[in-house]
Amino acid sequence: MTTYIILGNWTDQGIRQVKESPKRLDAVKAALKAMGGEVKAFYMTMGELDFVVIVEAPDDAVAARFALATGTQGSVRTKTLKAFPEAAYREIIKSLG
């Protein structure tokens, strides 16, 4: 499984309905699970971002489908980062020669 870090902000619609956000998070978790992935962690944050989510997905296509499906609901805007664990990072750097 590949790890992705999702950075997000609530839209105007999302913040107006913020009391419903725990239910939306539960639905998002179920949707990703149905795609073969898993939400590993969710953090509400203060500052530039409203939340950070750590997810695992089988591949980039699943991660993209998940991000698009979540975005179409209109409550959040996200940016997705593909994360490389330390072992992969070391292999990539080692391959530089």
PDB file of N, CA and C in Angstrom:
ATOM      1  N   MET A   1       0.852  -1.186   0.000  1.00  0.00           N
ATOM      2  CA  MET A   1       0.000   0.000   0.000  1.00  0.00           C
ATOM      3  C   MET A   1       0.893   1.243   0.000  1.00  0.00           C
ATOM      4  N   THR A   2       0.397   2.236  -0.685  1.00  0.00           N
ATOM      5  CA  THR A   2       1.100   3.509  -0.752  1.00  0.00           C
ATOM      6  C   THR A   2       0.443   4.481   0.225  1.00  0.00           C
ATOM      7  N   THR A   3       1.264   5.305   0.851  1.00  0.00           N
ATOM      8  CA  THR A   3       0.770   6.299   1.805  1.00  0.00           C
ATOM      9  C   THR A   3       0.615   7.643   1.108  1.00  0.00           C
ATOM     10  N   TYR A   4      -0.476   8.316   1.427  1.00  0.00           N
ATOM     11  CA  TYR A   4      -0.757   9.646   0.898  1.00  0.00           C
ATOM     12  C   TYR A   4      -1.108  10.554   2.077  1.00  0.00           C
ATOM     13  N   ILE A   5      -0.645  11.782   1.989  1.00  0.00           N
ATOM     14  CA  ILE A   5      -0.971  12.801   2.986  1.00  0.00           C
ATOM     15  C   ILE A   5      -1.914  13.783   2.313  1.00  0.00           C
ATOM     16  N   ILE A   6      -3.085  13.953   2.880  1.00  0.00           N
ATOM     17  CA  ILE A   6      -4.085  14.846   2.307  1.00  0.00           C
ATOM     18  C   ILE A   6      -4.203  16.076   3.202  1.00  0.00           C
ATOM     19  N   LEU A   7      -3.964  17.230   2.603  1.00  0.00           N
ATOM     20  CA  LEU A   7      -4.084  18.512   3.290  1.00  0.00           C
ATOM     21  C   LEU A   7      -5.400  19.124   2.865  1.00  0.00           C
ATOM     22  N   GLY A   8      -6.180  19.603   3.820  1.00  0.00           N
ATOM     23  CA  GLY A   8      -7.501  20.076   3.431  1.00  0.00           C
ATOM     24  C   GLY A   8      -7.993  21.299   4.167  1.00  0.00           C
ATOM     25  N   ASN A   9      -8.943  21.938   3.504  1.00  0.00           N
ATOM     26  CA  ASN A   9      -9.674  23.069   4.064  1.00  0.00           C
ATOM     27  C   ASN A   9     -11.145  22.867   3.796  1.00  0.00           C
ATOM     28  N   TRP A  10     -11.962  23.311   4.729  1.00  0.00           N
ATOM     29  CA  TRP A  10     -13.391  23.305   4.505  1.00  0.00           C
ATOM     30  C   TRP A  10     -13.748  24.420   3.531  1.00  0.00           C
ATOM     31  N   THR A  11     -14.686  24.157   2.651  1.00  0.00           N
ATOM     32  CA  THR A  11     -15.228  25.188   1.773  1.00  0.00           C
ATOM     33  C   THR A  11     -16.235  26.006   2.576  1.00  0.00           C
ATOM     34  N   ASP A  12     -16.799  27.026   1.956  1.00  0.00           N
ATOM     35  CA  ASP A  12     -17.858  27.792   2.628  1.00  0.00           C
ATOM     36  C   ASP A  12     -18.997  26.861   3.030  1.00  0.00           C
ATOM     37  N   GLN A  13     -19.379  25.980   2.110  1.00  0.00           N
ATOM     38  CA  GLN A  13     -20.436  25.002   2.408  1.00  0.00           C
ATOM     39  C   GLN A  13     -20.028  24.097   3.575  1.00  0.00           C
ATOM     40  N   GLY A  14     -18.782  23.636   3.542  1.00  0.00           N
ATOM     41  CA  GLY A  14     -18.302  22.717   4.577  1.00  0.00           C
ATOM     42  C   GLY A  14     -18.278  23.337   5.963  1.00  0.00           C
ATOM     43  N   ILE A  15     -17.845  24.589   6.050  1.00  0.00           N
ATOM     44  CA  ILE A  15     -17.778  25.236   7.366  1.00  0.00           C
ATOM     45  C   ILE A  15     -19.171  25.580   7.881  1.00  0.00           C
ATOM     46  N   ARG A  16     -20.105  25.893   6.968  1.00  0.00           N
ATOM     47  CA  ARG A  16     -21.481  26.147   7.409  1.00  0.00           C
ATOM     48  C   ARG A  16     -22.097  24.883   8.008  1.00  0.00           C
ATOM     49  N   GLN A  17     -21.666  23.732   7.526  1.00  0.00           N
ATOM     50  CA  GLN A  17     -22.200  22.447   7.988  1.00  0.00           C
ATOM     51  C   GLN A  17     -21.155  21.668   8.801  1.00  0.00           C
ATOM     52  N   VAL A  18     -20.280  22.387   9.486  1.00  0.00           N
ATOM     53  CA  VAL A  18     -19.168  21.737  10.184  1.00  0.00           C
ATOM     54  C   VAL A  18     -19.639  20.739  11.248  1.00  0.00           C
ATOM     55  N   LYS A  19     -20.809  20.971  11.820  1.00  0.00           N
ATOM     56  CA  LYS A  19     -21.316  20.035  12.831  1.00  0.00           C
ATOM     57  C   LYS A  19     -21.583  18.658  12.231  1.00  0.00           C
ATOM     58  N   GLU A  20     -21.755  18.600  10.911  1.00  0.00           N
ATOM     59  CA  GLU A  20     -21.978  17.326  10.220  1.00  0.00           C
ATOM     60  C   GLU A  20     -20.673  16.670   9.781  1.00  0.00           C
ATOM     61  N   SER A  21     -19.550  17.350   9.993  1.00  0.00           N
ATOM     62  CA  SER A  21     -18.281  16.835   9.471  1.00  0.00           C
ATOM     63  C   SER A  21     -17.864  15.486  10.052  1.00  0.00           C
ATOM     64  N   PRO A  22     -18.152  15.155  11.317  1.00  0.00           N
ATOM     65  CA  PRO A  22     -17.814  13.807  11.776  1.00  0.00           C
ATOM     66  C   PRO A  22     -18.542  12.711  10.982  1.00  0.00           C
ATOM     67  N   LYS A  23     -19.792  12.964  10.626  1.00  0.00           N
ATOM     68  CA  LYS A  23     -20.531  11.993   9.800  1.00  0.00           C
ATOM     69  C   LYS A  23     -19.923  11.897   8.412  1.00  0.00           C
ATOM     70  N   ARG A  24     -19.511  13.046   7.869  1.00  0.00           N
ATOM     71  CA  ARG A  24     -18.868  13.034   6.542  1.00  0.00           C
ATOM     72  C   ARG A  24     -17.542  12.281   6.606  1.00  0.00           C
ATOM     73  N   LEU A  25     -16.793  12.465   7.687  1.00  0.00           N
ATOM     74  CA  LEU A  25     -15.528  11.736   7.844  1.00  0.00           C
ATOM     75  C   LEU A  25     -15.782  10.234   7.889  1.00  0.00           C
ATOM     76  N   ASP A  26     -16.798   9.807   8.623  1.00  0.00           N
ATOM     77  CA  ASP A  26     -17.131   8.378   8.678  1.00  0.00           C
ATOM     78  C   ASP A  26     -17.480   7.846   7.284  1.00  0.00           C
ATOM     79  N   ALA A  27     -18.216   8.644   6.503  1.00  0.00           N
ATOM     80  CA  ALA A  27     -18.586   8.225   5.147  1.00  0.00           C
ATOM     81  C   ALA A  27     -17.355   8.146   4.252  1.00  0.00           C
ATOM     82  N   VAL A  28     -16.434   9.082   4.418  1.00  0.00           N
ATOM     83  CA  VAL A  28     -15.199   9.090   3.629  1.00  0.00           C
ATOM     84  C   VAL A  28     -14.357   7.858   3.964  1.00  0.00           C
ATOM     85  N   LYS A  29     -14.278   7.535   5.247  1.00  0.00           N
ATOM     86  CA  LYS A  29     -13.531   6.342   5.660  1.00  0.00           C
ATOM     87  C   LYS A  29     -14.125   5.086   5.023  1.00  0.00           C
ATOM     88  N   ALA A  30     -15.436   4.989   5.032  1.00  0.00           N
ATOM     89  CA  ALA A  30     -16.106   3.823   4.443  1.00  0.00           C
ATOM     90  C   ALA A  30     -15.892   3.772   2.934  1.00  0.00           C
ATOM     91  N   ALA A  31     -15.934   4.924   2.288  1.00  0.00           N
ATOM     92  CA  ALA A  31     -15.736   4.962   0.829  1.00  0.00           C
ATOM     93  C   ALA A  31     -14.333   4.509   0.458  1.00  0.00           C
ATOM     94  N   LEU A  32     -13.328   4.973   1.190  1.00  0.00           N
ATOM     95  CA  LEU A  32     -11.959   4.561   0.892  1.00  0.00           C
ATOM     96  C   LEU A  32     -11.769   3.075   1.162  1.00  0.00           C
ATOM     97  N   LYS A  33     -12.372   2.593   2.231  1.00  0.00           N
ATOM     98  CA  LYS A  33     -12.277   1.164   2.538  1.00  0.00           C
ATOM     99  C   LYS A  33     -12.876   0.326   1.407  1.00  0.00           C
ATOM    100  N   ALA A  34     -13.992   0.783   0.841  1.00  0.00           N
ATOM    101  CA  ALA A  34     -14.629   0.081  -0.276  1.00  0.00           C
ATOM    102  C   ALA A  34     -13.737   0.082  -1.518  1.00  0.00           C
ATOM    103  N   MET A  35     -12.833   1.048  -1.619  1.00  0.00           N
ATOM    104  CA  MET A  35     -11.895   1.125  -2.741  1.00  0.00           C
ATOM    105  C   MET A  35     -10.622   0.328  -2.477  1.00  0.00           C
ATOM    106  N   GLY A  36     -10.539  -0.281  -1.291  1.00  0.00           N
ATOM    107  CA  GLY A  36      -9.359  -1.070  -0.958  1.00  0.00           C
ATOM    108  C   GLY A  36      -8.309  -0.321  -0.163  1.00  0.00           C
ATOM    109  N   GLY A  37      -8.650   0.874   0.315  1.00  0.00           N
ATOM    110  CA  GLY A  37      -7.706   1.684   1.081  1.00  0.00           C
ATOM    111  C   GLY A  37      -8.139   1.828   2.527  1.00  0.00           C
ATOM    112  N   GLU A  38      -7.434   2.711   3.233  1.00  0.00           N
ATOM    113  CA  GLU A  38      -7.747   2.911   4.645  1.00  0.00           C
ATOM    114  C   GLU A  38      -7.295   4.294   5.098  1.00  0.00           C
ATOM    115  N   VAL A  39      -8.132   4.950   5.877  1.00  0.00           N
ATOM    116  CA  VAL A  39      -7.728   6.177   6.557  1.00  0.00           C
ATOM    117  C   VAL A  39      -6.959   5.753   7.794  1.00  0.00           C
ATOM    118  N   LYS A  40      -5.683   6.131   7.857  1.00  0.00           N
ATOM    119  CA  LYS A  40      -4.828   5.751   8.981  1.00  0.00           C
ATOM    120  C   LYS A  40      -4.927   6.757  10.129  1.00  0.00           C
ATOM    121  N   ALA A  41      -5.108   8.038   9.796  1.00  0.00           N
ATOM    122  CA  ALA A  41      -5.188   9.062  10.840  1.00  0.00           C
ATOM    123  C   ALA A  41      -5.861  10.308  10.282  1.00  0.00           C
ATOM    124  N   PHE A  42      -6.568  10.994  11.156  1.00  0.00           N
ATOM    125  CA  PHE A  42      -7.194  12.276  10.823  1.00  0.00           C
ATOM    126  C   PHE A  42      -6.832  13.254  11.918  1.00  0.00           C
ATOM    127  N   TYR A  43      -6.407  14.463  11.529  1.00  0.00           N
ATOM    128  CA  TYR A  43      -6.082  15.515  12.496  1.00  0.00           C
ATOM    129  C   TYR A  43      -6.773  16.799  12.080  1.00  0.00           C
ATOM    130  N   MET A  44      -7.563  17.383  12.968  1.00  0.00           N
ATOM    131  CA  MET A  44      -8.029  18.743  12.758  1.00  0.00           C
ATOM    132  C   MET A  44      -6.850  19.627  13.138  1.00  0.00           C
ATOM    133  N   THR A  45      -6.583  20.650  12.342  1.00  0.00           N
ATOM    134  CA  THR A  45      -5.423  21.488  12.590  1.00  0.00           C
ATOM    135  C   THR A  45      -5.822  22.954  12.688  1.00  0.00           C
ATOM    136  N   MET A  46      -4.944  23.729  13.271  1.00  0.00           N
ATOM    137  CA  MET A  46      -5.142  25.169  13.369  1.00  0.00           C
ATOM    138  C   MET A  46      -4.093  25.835  12.494  1.00  0.00           C
ATOM    139  N   GLY A  47      -4.467  26.933  11.878  1.00  0.00           N
ATOM    140  CA  GLY A  47      -3.523  27.631  11.010  1.00  0.00           C
ATOM    141  C   GLY A  47      -4.025  27.622   9.584  1.00  0.00           C
ATOM    142  N   GLU A  48      -3.108  27.479   8.640  1.00  0.00           N
ATOM    143  CA  GLU A  48      -3.441  27.554   7.212  1.00  0.00           C
ATOM    144  C   GLU A  48      -4.370  26.431   6.761  1.00  0.00           C
ATOM    145  N   LEU A  49      -4.277  25.276   7.385  1.00  0.00           N
ATOM    146  CA  LEU A  49      -5.081  24.111   7.004  1.00  0.00           C
ATOM    147  C   LEU A  49      -6.095  23.797   8.090  1.00  0.00           C
ATOM    148  N   ASP A  50      -7.228  23.241   7.665  1.00  0.00           N
ATOM    149  CA  ASP A  50      -8.258  22.833   8.624  1.00  0.00           C
ATOM    150  C   ASP A  50      -8.078  21.395   9.088  1.00  0.00           C
ATOM    151  N   PHE A  51      -7.476  20.560   8.221  1.00  0.00           N
ATOM    152  CA  PHE A  51      -7.255  19.163   8.604  1.00  0.00           C
ATOM    153  C   PHE A  51      -6.164  18.521   7.762  1.00  0.00           C
ATOM    154  N   VAL A  52      -5.611  17.449   8.314  1.00  0.00           N
ATOM    155  CA  VAL A  52      -4.624  16.609   7.628  1.00  0.00           C
ATOM    156  C   VAL A  52      -5.093  15.172   7.808  1.00  0.00           C
ATOM    157  N   VAL A  53      -5.072  14.418   6.712  1.00  0.00           N
ATOM    158  CA  VAL A  53      -5.490  13.021   6.754  1.00  0.00           C
ATOM    159  C   VAL A  53      -4.360  12.172   6.181  1.00  0.00           C
ATOM    160  N   ILE A  54      -4.033  11.094   6.867  1.00  0.00           N
ATOM    161  CA  ILE A  54      -3.052  10.134   6.380  1.00  0.00           C
ATOM    162  C   ILE A  54      -3.840   8.918   5.899  1.00  0.00           C
ATOM    163  N   VAL A  55      -3.663   8.571   4.628  1.00  0.00           N
ATOM    164  CA  VAL A  55      -4.394   7.433   4.076  1.00  0.00           C
ATOM    165  C   VAL A  55      -3.430   6.478   3.392  1.00  0.00           C
ATOM    166  N   GLU A  56      -3.878   5.249   3.234  1.00  0.00           N
ATOM    167  CA  GLU A  56      -3.173   4.266   2.421  1.00  0.00           C
ATOM    168  C   GLU A  56      -4.129   3.823   1.328  1.00  0.00           C
ATOM    169  N   ALA A  57      -3.590   3.691   0.126  1.00  0.00           N
ATOM    170  CA  ALA A  57      -4.377   3.228  -1.017  1.00  0.00           C
ATOM    171  C   ALA A  57      -3.527   2.266  -1.841  1.00  0.00           C
ATOM    172  N   PRO A  58      -4.168   1.356  -2.558  1.00  0.00           N
ATOM    173  CA  PRO A  58      -3.418   0.375  -3.337  1.00  0.00           C
ATOM    174  C   PRO A  58      -2.551   0.994  -4.435  1.00  0.00           C
ATOM    175  N   ASP A  59      -2.998   2.128  -5.005  1.00  0.00           N
ATOM    176  CA  ASP A  59      -2.231   2.750  -6.088  1.00  0.00           C
ATOM    177  C   ASP A  59      -2.697   4.192  -6.290  1.00  0.00           C
ATOM    178  N   ASP A  60      -1.998   4.884  -7.192  1.00  0.00           N
ATOM    179  CA  ASP A  60      -2.314   6.293  -7.455  1.00  0.00           C
ATOM    180  C   ASP A  60      -3.715   6.481  -8.017  1.00  0.00           C
ATOM    181  N   ALA A  61      -4.179   5.533  -8.822  1.00  0.00           N
ATOM    182  CA  ALA A  61      -5.516   5.667  -9.406  1.00  0.00           C
ATOM    183  C   ALA A  61      -6.593   5.653  -8.326  1.00  0.00           C
ATOM    184  N   VAL A  62      -6.445   4.784  -7.352  1.00  0.00           N
ATOM    185  CA  VAL A  62      -7.409   4.734  -6.246  1.00  0.00           C
ATOM    186  C   VAL A  62      -7.335   6.030  -5.440  1.00  0.00           C
ATOM    187  N   ALA A  63      -6.128   6.505  -5.176  1.00  0.00           N
ATOM    188  CA  ALA A  63      -5.974   7.752  -4.423  1.00  0.00           C
ATOM    189  C   ALA A  63      -6.616   8.916  -5.170  1.00  0.00           C
ATOM    190  N   ALA A  64      -6.429   8.971  -6.485  1.00  0.00           N
ATOM    191  CA  ALA A  64      -7.021  10.041  -7.283  1.00  0.00           C
ATOM    192  C   ALA A  64      -8.539   9.939  -7.293  1.00  0.00           C
ATOM    193  N   ARG A  65      -9.062   8.723  -7.467  1.00  0.00           N
ATOM    194  CA  ARG A  65     -10.518   8.526  -7.473  1.00  0.00           C
ATOM    195  C   ARG A  65     -11.102   8.939  -6.120  1.00  0.00           C
ATOM    196  N   PHE A  66     -10.424   8.578  -5.043  1.00  0.00           N
ATOM    197  CA  PHE A  66     -10.871   8.936  -3.701  1.00  0.00           C
ATOM    198  C   PHE A  66     -10.889  10.458  -3.521  1.00  0.00           C
ATOM    199  N   ALA A  67      -9.819  11.133  -3.939  1.00  0.00           N
ATOM    200  CA  ALA A  67      -9.752  12.593  -3.794  1.00  0.00           C
ATOM    201  C   ALA A  67     -10.835  13.277  -4.617  1.00  0.00           C
ATOM    202  N   LEU A  68     -11.039  12.808  -5.835  1.00  0.00           N
ATOM    203  CA  LEU A  68     -12.078  13.403  -6.685  1.00  0.00           C
ATOM    204  C   LEU A  68     -13.473  13.160  -6.125  1.00  0.00           C
ATOM    205  N   ALA A  69     -13.732  11.949  -5.669  1.00  0.00           N
ATOM    206  CA  ALA A  69     -15.046  11.630  -5.107  1.00  0.00           C
ATOM    207  C   ALA A  69     -15.319  12.466  -3.861  1.00  0.00           C
ATOM    208  N   THR A  70     -14.298  12.655  -3.042  1.00  0.00           N
ATOM    209  CA  THR A  70     -14.457  13.465  -1.835  1.00  0.00           C
ATOM    210  C   THR A  70     -14.710  14.926  -2.205  1.00  0.00           C
ATOM    211  N   GLY A  71     -13.963  15.436  -3.173  1.00  0.00           N
ATOM    212  CA  GLY A  71     -14.106  16.831  -3.590  1.00  0.00           C
ATOM    213  C   GLY A  71     -15.450  17.150  -4.212  1.00  0.00           C
ATOM    214  N   THR A  72     -16.029  16.181  -4.912  1.00  0.00           N
ATOM    215  CA  THR A  72     -17.306  16.452  -5.573  1.00  0.00           C
ATOM    216  C   THR A  72     -18.446  16.685  -4.592  1.00  0.00           C
ATOM    217  N   GLN A  73     -18.253  16.328  -3.325  1.00  0.00           N
ATOM    218  CA  GLN A  73     -19.295  16.540  -2.329  1.00  0.00           C
ATOM    219  C   GLN A  73     -19.412  18.009  -1.944  1.00  0.00           C
ATOM    220  N   GLY A  74     -18.371  18.800  -2.249  1.00  0.00           N
ATOM    221  CA  GLY A  74     -18.449  20.246  -2.072  1.00  0.00           C
ATOM    222  C   GLY A  74     -18.118  20.792  -0.700  1.00  0.00           C
ATOM    223  N   SER A  75     -17.741  19.943   0.243  1.00  0.00           N
ATOM    224  CA  SER A  75     -17.485  20.423   1.603  1.00  0.00           C
ATOM    225  C   SER A  75     -16.018  20.700   1.893  1.00  0.00           C
ATOM    226  N   VAL A  76     -15.126  20.152   1.056  1.00  0.00           N
ATOM    227  CA  VAL A  76     -13.692  20.320   1.300  1.00  0.00           C
ATOM    228  C   VAL A  76     -12.949  20.563  -0.013  1.00  0.00           C
ATOM    229  N   ARG A  77     -11.790  21.192   0.130  1.00  0.00           N
ATOM    230  CA  ARG A  77     -10.805  21.295  -0.950  1.00  0.00           C
ATOM    231  C   ARG A  77      -9.539  20.653  -0.412  1.00  0.00           C
ATOM    232  N   THR A  78      -8.910  19.832  -1.236  1.00  0.00           N
ATOM    233  CA  THR A  78      -7.753  19.089  -0.744  1.00  0.00           C
ATOM    234  C   THR A  78      -6.563  19.195  -1.685  1.00  0.00           C
ATOM    235  N   LYS A  79      -5.410  18.906  -1.128  1.00  0.00           N
ATOM    236  CA  LYS A  79      -4.167  18.703  -1.872  1.00  0.00           C
ATOM    237  C   LYS A  79      -3.619  17.374  -1.380  1.00  0.00           C
ATOM    238  N   THR A  80      -3.220  16.524  -2.316  1.00  0.00           N
ATOM    239  CA  THR A  80      -2.746  15.194  -1.957  1.00  0.00           C
ATOM    240  C   THR A  80      -1.263  15.068  -2.264  1.00  0.00           C
ATOM    241  N   LEU A  81      -0.526  14.576  -1.289  1.00  0.00           N
ATOM    242  CA  LEU A  81       0.900  14.332  -1.428  1.00  0.00           C
ATOM    243  C   LEU A  81       1.155  12.834  -1.368  1.00  0.00           C
ATOM    244  N   LYS A  82       1.950  12.316  -2.293  1.00  0.00           N
ATOM    245  CA  LYS A  82       2.358  10.919  -2.215  1.00  0.00           C
ATOM    246  C   LYS A  82       3.556  10.863  -1.287  1.00  0.00           C
ATOM    247  N   ALA A  83       3.500   9.988  -0.298  1.00  0.00           N
ATOM    248  CA  ALA A  83       4.546   9.912   0.715  1.00  0.00           C
ATOM    249  C   ALA A  83       5.413   8.674   0.501  1.00  0.00           C
ATOM    250  N   PHE A  84       6.706   8.847   0.651  1.00  0.00           N
ATOM    251  CA  PHE A  84       7.650   7.750   0.562  1.00  0.00           C
ATOM    252  C   PHE A  84       8.188   7.472   1.966  1.00  0.00           C
ATOM    253  N   PRO A  85       8.039   6.251   2.460  1.00  0.00           N
ATOM    254  CA  PRO A  85       8.562   5.948   3.791  1.00  0.00           C
ATOM    255  C   PRO A  85      10.094   6.019   3.800  1.00  0.00           C
ATOM    256  N   GLU A  86      10.654   6.043   4.984  1.00  0.00           N
ATOM    257  CA  GLU A  86      12.096   6.223   5.113  1.00  0.00           C
ATOM    258  C   GLU A  86      12.891   5.199   4.308  1.00  0.00           C
ATOM    259  N   ALA A  87      12.483   3.943   4.328  1.00  0.00           N
ATOM    260  CA  ALA A  87      13.230   2.912   3.592  1.00  0.00           C
ATOM    261  C   ALA A  87      13.248   3.219   2.098  1.00  0.00           C
ATOM    262  N   ALA A  88      12.112   3.635   1.545  1.00  0.00           N
ATOM    263  CA  ALA A  88      12.051   3.988   0.127  1.00  0.00           C
ATOM    264  C   ALA A  88      12.896   5.225  -0.155  1.00  0.00           C
ATOM    265  N   TYR A  89      12.828   6.199   0.725  1.00  0.00           N
ATOM    266  CA  TYR A  89      13.645   7.407   0.591  1.00  0.00           C
ATOM    267  C   TYR A  89      15.123   7.039   0.518  1.00  0.00           C
ATOM    268  N   ARG A  90      15.559   6.169   1.417  1.00  0.00           N
ATOM    269  CA  ARG A  90      16.971   5.771   1.424  1.00  0.00           C
ATOM    270  C   ARG A  90      17.355   5.056   0.123  1.00  0.00           C
ATOM    271  N   GLU A  91      16.482   4.212  -0.398  1.00  0.00           N
ATOM    272  CA  GLU A  91      16.743   3.521  -1.662  1.00  0.00           C
ATOM    273  C   GLU A  91      16.826   4.496  -2.824  1.00  0.00           C
ATOM    274  N   ILE A  92      15.943   5.470  -2.828  1.00  0.00           N
ATOM    275  CA  ILE A  92      15.958   6.485  -3.897  1.00  0.00           C
ATOM    276  C   ILE A  92      17.256   7.265  -3.863  1.00  0.00           C
ATOM    277  N   ILE A  93      17.670   7.699  -2.686  1.00  0.00           N
ATOM    278  CA  ILE A  93      18.910   8.465  -2.554  1.00  0.00           C
ATOM    279  C   ILE A  93      20.110   7.593  -2.921  1.00  0.00           C
ATOM    280  N   LYS A  94      20.099   6.351  -2.483  1.00  0.00           N
ATOM    281  CA  LYS A  94      21.191   5.410  -2.792  1.00  0.00           C
ATOM    282  C   LYS A  94      21.317   5.213  -4.303  1.00  0.00           C
ATOM    283  N   SER A  95      20.197   5.203  -5.012  1.00  0.00           N
ATOM    284  CA  SER A  95      20.215   4.965  -6.464  1.00  0.00           C
ATOM    285  C   SER A  95      20.832   6.135  -7.235  1.00  0.00           C
ATOM    286  N   LEU A  96      21.041   7.253  -6.582  1.00  0.00           N
ATOM    287  CA  LEU A  96      21.665   8.405  -7.249  1.00  0.00           C
ATOM    288  C   LEU A  96      23.138   8.152  -7.566  1.00  0.00           C
ATOM    289  N   GLY A  97      23.716   7.148  -6.908  1.00  0.00           N
ATOM    290  CA  GLY A  97      25.111   6.791  -7.194  1.00  0.00           C
ATOM    291  C   GLY A  97      26.127   7.429  -6.310  1.00  0.00           C
TER     292      GLY A  97
END
